[in-house]
Amino acid sequence: MERLYAACLEPASSYHHSQRQSLYVAGDTTDPGALMLQDAPELDADKFRVSSAPETMVLVGWFDGPAEKAWMLEEGKVVLRLGNRRGSLPIVKSLAAASHILLHGRDYATVPSLFRILPKAGEIWTRTEVTAAGFPSDPSKPADDIFAVFSVVVDDAFKSMSWDGRKIGKAIARFLNRQRPTYKSQLTAIHRERAKPQLVSLADLQIALVPPA
């Protein structure tokens, strides 16, 4: 699935519910999320390997407790905090590379399956907007925080799959190291930033699959 990248973020004062910034504005293909994925030969014999896995990008997203998880599952929307508006543009641009989302939370909890992002469904919302929509956001937190909001559905192709939350960080590190041969990611750093959205290929993520009983 071809994805386009956000070109810019408007000032916070210009956001309105009817004029949210799309993640898929055409014209920018310079983001690392557009890197060509390499195959993973050592996974070829894996029973769980899905055809075209090397081309599938998954966004690993965070839910900060049962209330957030319940709202996202009920509404069919995934809400990911990106941080303040000025510091979030590189992250926002790379999110457009993903076609699926895996949700995880504290104590290595995960949501089974993968969510498929609906076409052109990614938008940037302000804290005021996510709160107005009913998402359990803390209104005392910084007003200039922004969120990526995706409309999603459960992908039946992955409905029977479960994920080991303790191995997700290793999968992300594996992906980063394969894409940047001169860079060795630190698992401790990834663990500290677990709440930050991260991209990973499905081929790498399969090391976190829980074998069927």
Protein backbone atom coordinates (compact mmCIF):
# COMPACT_ATOMS: atom_id res chain seq x y z
CA MET A 1 0.00 0.00 0.00
CA GLU A 2 1.48 3.29 -1.03
CA ARG A 3 1.66 5.90 1.69
CA LEU A 4 2.40 9.58 1.38
CA TYR A 5 4.02 11.76 3.99
CA ALA A 6 2.95 14.86 5.87
CA ALA A 7 4.64 17.95 4.55
CA CYS A 8 4.06 20.28 7.45
CA LEU A 9 2.23 20.99 10.68
CA GLU A 10 0.16 24.12 11.00
CA PRO A 11 0.39 26.32 14.09
CA ALA A 12 -1.67 24.99 16.98
CA SER A 13 -4.01 27.96 16.83
CA SER A 14 -5.05 27.02 13.28
CA TYR A 15 -6.32 23.54 14.16
CA HIS A 16 -10.07 23.09 14.01
CA HIS A 17 -12.17 19.94 14.18
CA SER A 18 -13.08 20.32 10.51
CA GLN A 19 -9.55 21.25 9.37
CA ARG A 20 -7.29 18.65 10.93
CA GLN A 21 -3.89 18.11 9.33
CA SER A 22 -3.77 14.89 7.36
CA LEU A 23 -0.81 12.56 7.67
CA TYR A 24 -0.96 11.87 3.97
CA VAL A 25 -0.22 15.17 2.25
CA ALA A 26 1.64 14.51 -0.98
CA GLY A 27 5.07 15.84 -1.78
CA ASP A 28 7.57 14.50 0.77
CA THR A 29 9.42 11.20 0.34
CA THR A 30 12.61 11.99 2.25
CA ASP A 31 11.65 10.41 5.56
CA PRO A 32 13.49 7.29 6.88
CA GLY A 33 10.14 5.51 6.92
CA ALA A 34 10.48 5.21 3.14
CA LEU A 35 13.64 3.06 3.34
CA MET A 36 13.57 -0.13 1.33
CA LEU A 37 13.07 -3.14 3.56
CA GLN A 38 15.40 -6.10 3.34
CA ASP A 39 14.25 -9.68 3.58
CA ALA A 40 14.93 -11.74 6.69
CA PRO A 41 16.28 -15.12 5.43
CA GLU A 42 16.45 -16.60 8.91
CA LEU A 43 12.67 -16.33 9.19
CA ASP A 44 11.90 -18.21 6.00
CA ALA A 45 11.14 -21.43 7.85
CA ASP A 46 8.97 -19.69 10.44
CA LYS A 47 5.47 -21.18 10.46
CA PHE A 48 3.99 -17.77 11.10
CA ARG A 49 5.58 -16.04 8.17
CA VAL A 50 3.03 -14.07 6.18
CA SER A 51 3.49 -13.53 2.45
CA SER A 52 4.72 -9.99 1.67
CA ALA A 53 5.78 -9.58 5.31
CA PRO A 54 8.98 -7.68 4.36
CA GLU A 55 6.86 -4.97 2.73
CA THR A 56 4.45 -4.58 5.64
CA MET A 57 5.20 -1.78 8.11
CA VAL A 58 3.67 -1.84 11.58
CA LEU A 59 3.32 1.10 13.91
CA VAL A 60 3.80 0.05 17.55
CA GLY A 61 1.49 2.25 19.61
CA TRP A 62 0.92 2.73 23.33
CA PHE A 63 -2.17 2.71 25.54
CA ASP A 64 -1.65 4.22 28.98
CA GLY A 65 -4.11 2.12 30.94
CA PRO A 66 -7.43 0.25 30.59
CA ALA A 67 -9.50 3.39 29.93
CA GLU A 68 -7.47 4.40 26.87
CA LYS A 69 -7.43 0.84 25.57
CA ALA A 70 -11.20 0.45 25.99
CA TRP A 71 -11.94 3.76 24.23
CA MET A 72 -9.76 2.89 21.23
CA LEU A 73 -11.26 -0.58 20.85
CA GLU A 74 -14.81 0.72 21.16
CA GLU A 75 -14.37 3.69 18.83
CA GLY A 76 -12.20 1.99 16.22
CA LYS A 77 -9.63 4.76 16.54
CA VAL A 78 -6.04 4.58 17.73
CA VAL A 79 -4.77 7.71 19.49
CA LEU A 80 -1.00 8.10 19.83
CA ARG A 81 0.63 10.97 21.69
CA LEU A 82 3.41 12.55 19.65
CA GLY A 83 4.62 15.21 22.08
CA ASN A 84 4.66 18.94 21.50
CA ARG A 85 3.91 20.34 18.07
CA ARG A 86 7.35 21.76 17.29
CA GLY A 87 9.31 18.63 18.17
CA SER A 88 7.07 16.07 16.53
CA LEU A 89 7.29 16.66 12.76
CA PRO A 90 9.90 13.94 11.99
CA ILE A 91 7.83 11.38 13.91
CA VAL A 92 4.63 12.46 12.20
CA LYS A 93 6.14 12.07 8.74
CA SER A 94 7.41 8.54 9.41
CA LEU A 95 4.03 7.36 10.72
CA ALA A 96 2.65 7.54 7.19
CA ALA A 97 4.76 4.51 6.23
CA ALA A 98 2.65 2.17 8.38
CA SER A 99 -0.26 0.08 7.15
CA HIS A 100 -0.97 -1.67 10.47
CA ILE A 101 -0.85 -0.92 14.20
CA LEU A 102 0.06 -3.09 17.19
CA LEU A 103 -1.04 -1.80 20.59
CA HIS A 104 0.87 -2.41 23.81
CA GLY A 105 0.92 -0.97 27.31
CA ARG A 106 2.31 -1.24 30.82
CA ASP A 107 3.53 -4.53 32.28
CA TYR A 108 4.17 -5.72 28.70
CA ALA A 109 0.45 -6.00 27.97
CA THR A 110 -0.49 -6.28 24.29
CA VAL A 111 -3.69 -6.32 22.27
CA PRO A 112 -3.97 -9.47 20.12
CA SER A 113 -4.07 -9.23 16.32
CA LEU A 114 -3.07 -6.20 14.26
CA PHE A 115 -5.22 -3.24 13.32
CA ARG A 116 -5.33 -2.24 9.68
CA ILE A 117 -5.21 1.52 9.10
CA LEU A 118 -8.08 2.62 6.88
CA PRO A 119 -7.10 4.51 3.69
CA LYS A 120 -6.13 8.14 4.30
CA ALA A 121 -7.34 7.79 7.89
CA GLY A 122 -4.41 9.38 9.74
CA GLU A 123 -4.92 12.86 11.18
CA ILE A 124 -3.26 15.15 13.70
CA TRP A 125 -5.47 16.24 16.60
CA THR A 126 -4.81 18.62 19.46
CA ARG A 127 -5.27 17.65 23.10
CA THR A 128 -8.46 19.72 23.12
CA GLU A 129 -9.83 17.69 20.21
CA VAL A 130 -9.05 14.25 21.62
CA THR A 131 -10.57 15.27 24.95
CA ALA A 132 -13.69 16.60 23.22
CA ALA A 133 -14.02 13.28 21.38
CA GLY A 134 -14.15 11.46 24.72
CA PHE A 135 -10.63 10.08 24.78
CA PRO A 136 -9.44 9.92 28.42
CA SER A 137 -6.75 12.59 28.05
CA ASP A 138 -5.52 14.57 31.05
CA PRO A 139 -6.55 18.21 30.38
CA SER A 140 -3.89 19.41 32.82
CA LYS A 141 -1.14 18.18 30.47
CA PRO A 142 0.51 20.61 27.99
CA ALA A 143 -2.02 22.21 25.66
CA ASP A 144 0.41 22.15 22.72
CA ASP A 145 0.65 18.35 22.75
CA ILE A 146 -0.53 16.74 19.53
CA PHE A 147 -1.79 13.26 18.75
CA ALA A 148 -1.88 11.02 15.69
CA VAL A 149 -5.39 9.59 15.32
CA PHE A 150 -6.02 6.62 13.02
CA SER A 151 -9.31 5.01 12.05
CA VAL A 152 -8.69 1.25 12.14
CA VAL A 153 -10.28 -2.17 11.84
CA VAL A 154 -9.03 -5.53 13.06
CA ASP A 155 -7.24 -7.25 10.18
CA ASP A 156 -8.69 -10.77 9.89
CA ALA A 157 -5.36 -12.03 8.49
CA PHE A 158 -3.80 -11.49 11.93
CA LYS A 159 -6.84 -12.13 14.12
CA SER A 160 -5.46 -15.30 15.70
CA MET A 161 -2.05 -13.82 16.52
CA SER A 162 -0.84 -12.73 19.95
CA TRP A 163 2.31 -10.83 20.85
CA ASP A 164 4.94 -11.14 23.57
CA GLY A 165 5.35 -7.62 24.94
CA ARG A 166 8.82 -8.43 26.28
CA LYS A 167 10.11 -9.09 22.75
CA ILE A 168 8.65 -6.08 20.97
CA GLY A 169 11.65 -3.90 21.88
CA LYS A 170 14.00 -6.50 20.44
CA ALA A 171 12.00 -6.56 17.21
CA ILE A 172 12.24 -2.77 16.91
CA ALA A 173 16.00 -2.86 17.59
CA ARG A 174 16.41 -5.58 14.97
CA PHE A 175 14.56 -3.47 12.40
CA LEU A 176 16.60 -0.35 13.15
CA ASN A 177 19.87 -2.23 12.92
CA ARG A 178 18.94 -3.81 9.58
CA GLN A 179 17.91 -0.48 8.08
CA ARG A 180 20.96 1.39 9.33
CA PRO A 181 23.98 -0.94 9.18
CA THR A 182 26.26 1.57 10.92
CA TYR A 183 23.83 2.09 13.77
CA LYS A 184 23.39 -0.23 16.74
CA SER A 185 20.25 0.63 18.67
CA GLN A 186 20.25 0.37 22.43
CA LEU A 187 17.47 -1.77 23.89
CA THR A 188 17.61 0.25 27.11
CA ALA A 189 16.81 3.43 25.18
CA ILE A 190 13.96 1.73 23.34
CA HIS A 191 12.56 0.46 26.64
CA ARG A 192 12.65 3.96 28.15
CA GLU A 193 10.71 5.30 25.19
CA ARG A 194 8.14 2.51 24.96
CA ALA A 195 5.28 5.04 24.96
CA LYS A 196 6.66 6.73 21.82
CA PRO A 197 5.27 5.42 18.50
CA GLN A 198 7.80 3.20 16.75
CA LEU A 199 7.95 1.71 13.26
CA VAL A 200 8.92 -1.92 12.71
CA SER A 201 8.61 -4.29 9.77
CA LEU A 202 6.30 -7.28 10.10
CA ALA A 203 9.24 -9.53 9.24
CA ASP A 204 11.11 -8.30 12.32
CA LEU A 205 8.01 -8.20 14.51
CA GLN A 206 7.45 -11.91 14.01
CA ILE A 207 10.10 -12.69 16.63
CA ALA A 208 7.55 -11.36 19.15
CA LEU A 209 4.79 -13.75 18.03
CA VAL A 210 3.40 -16.04 20.71
CA PRO A 211 3.31 -19.63 19.37
CA PRO A 212 -0.18 -21.13 19.24
CA ALA A 213 -1.12 -23.44 22.09
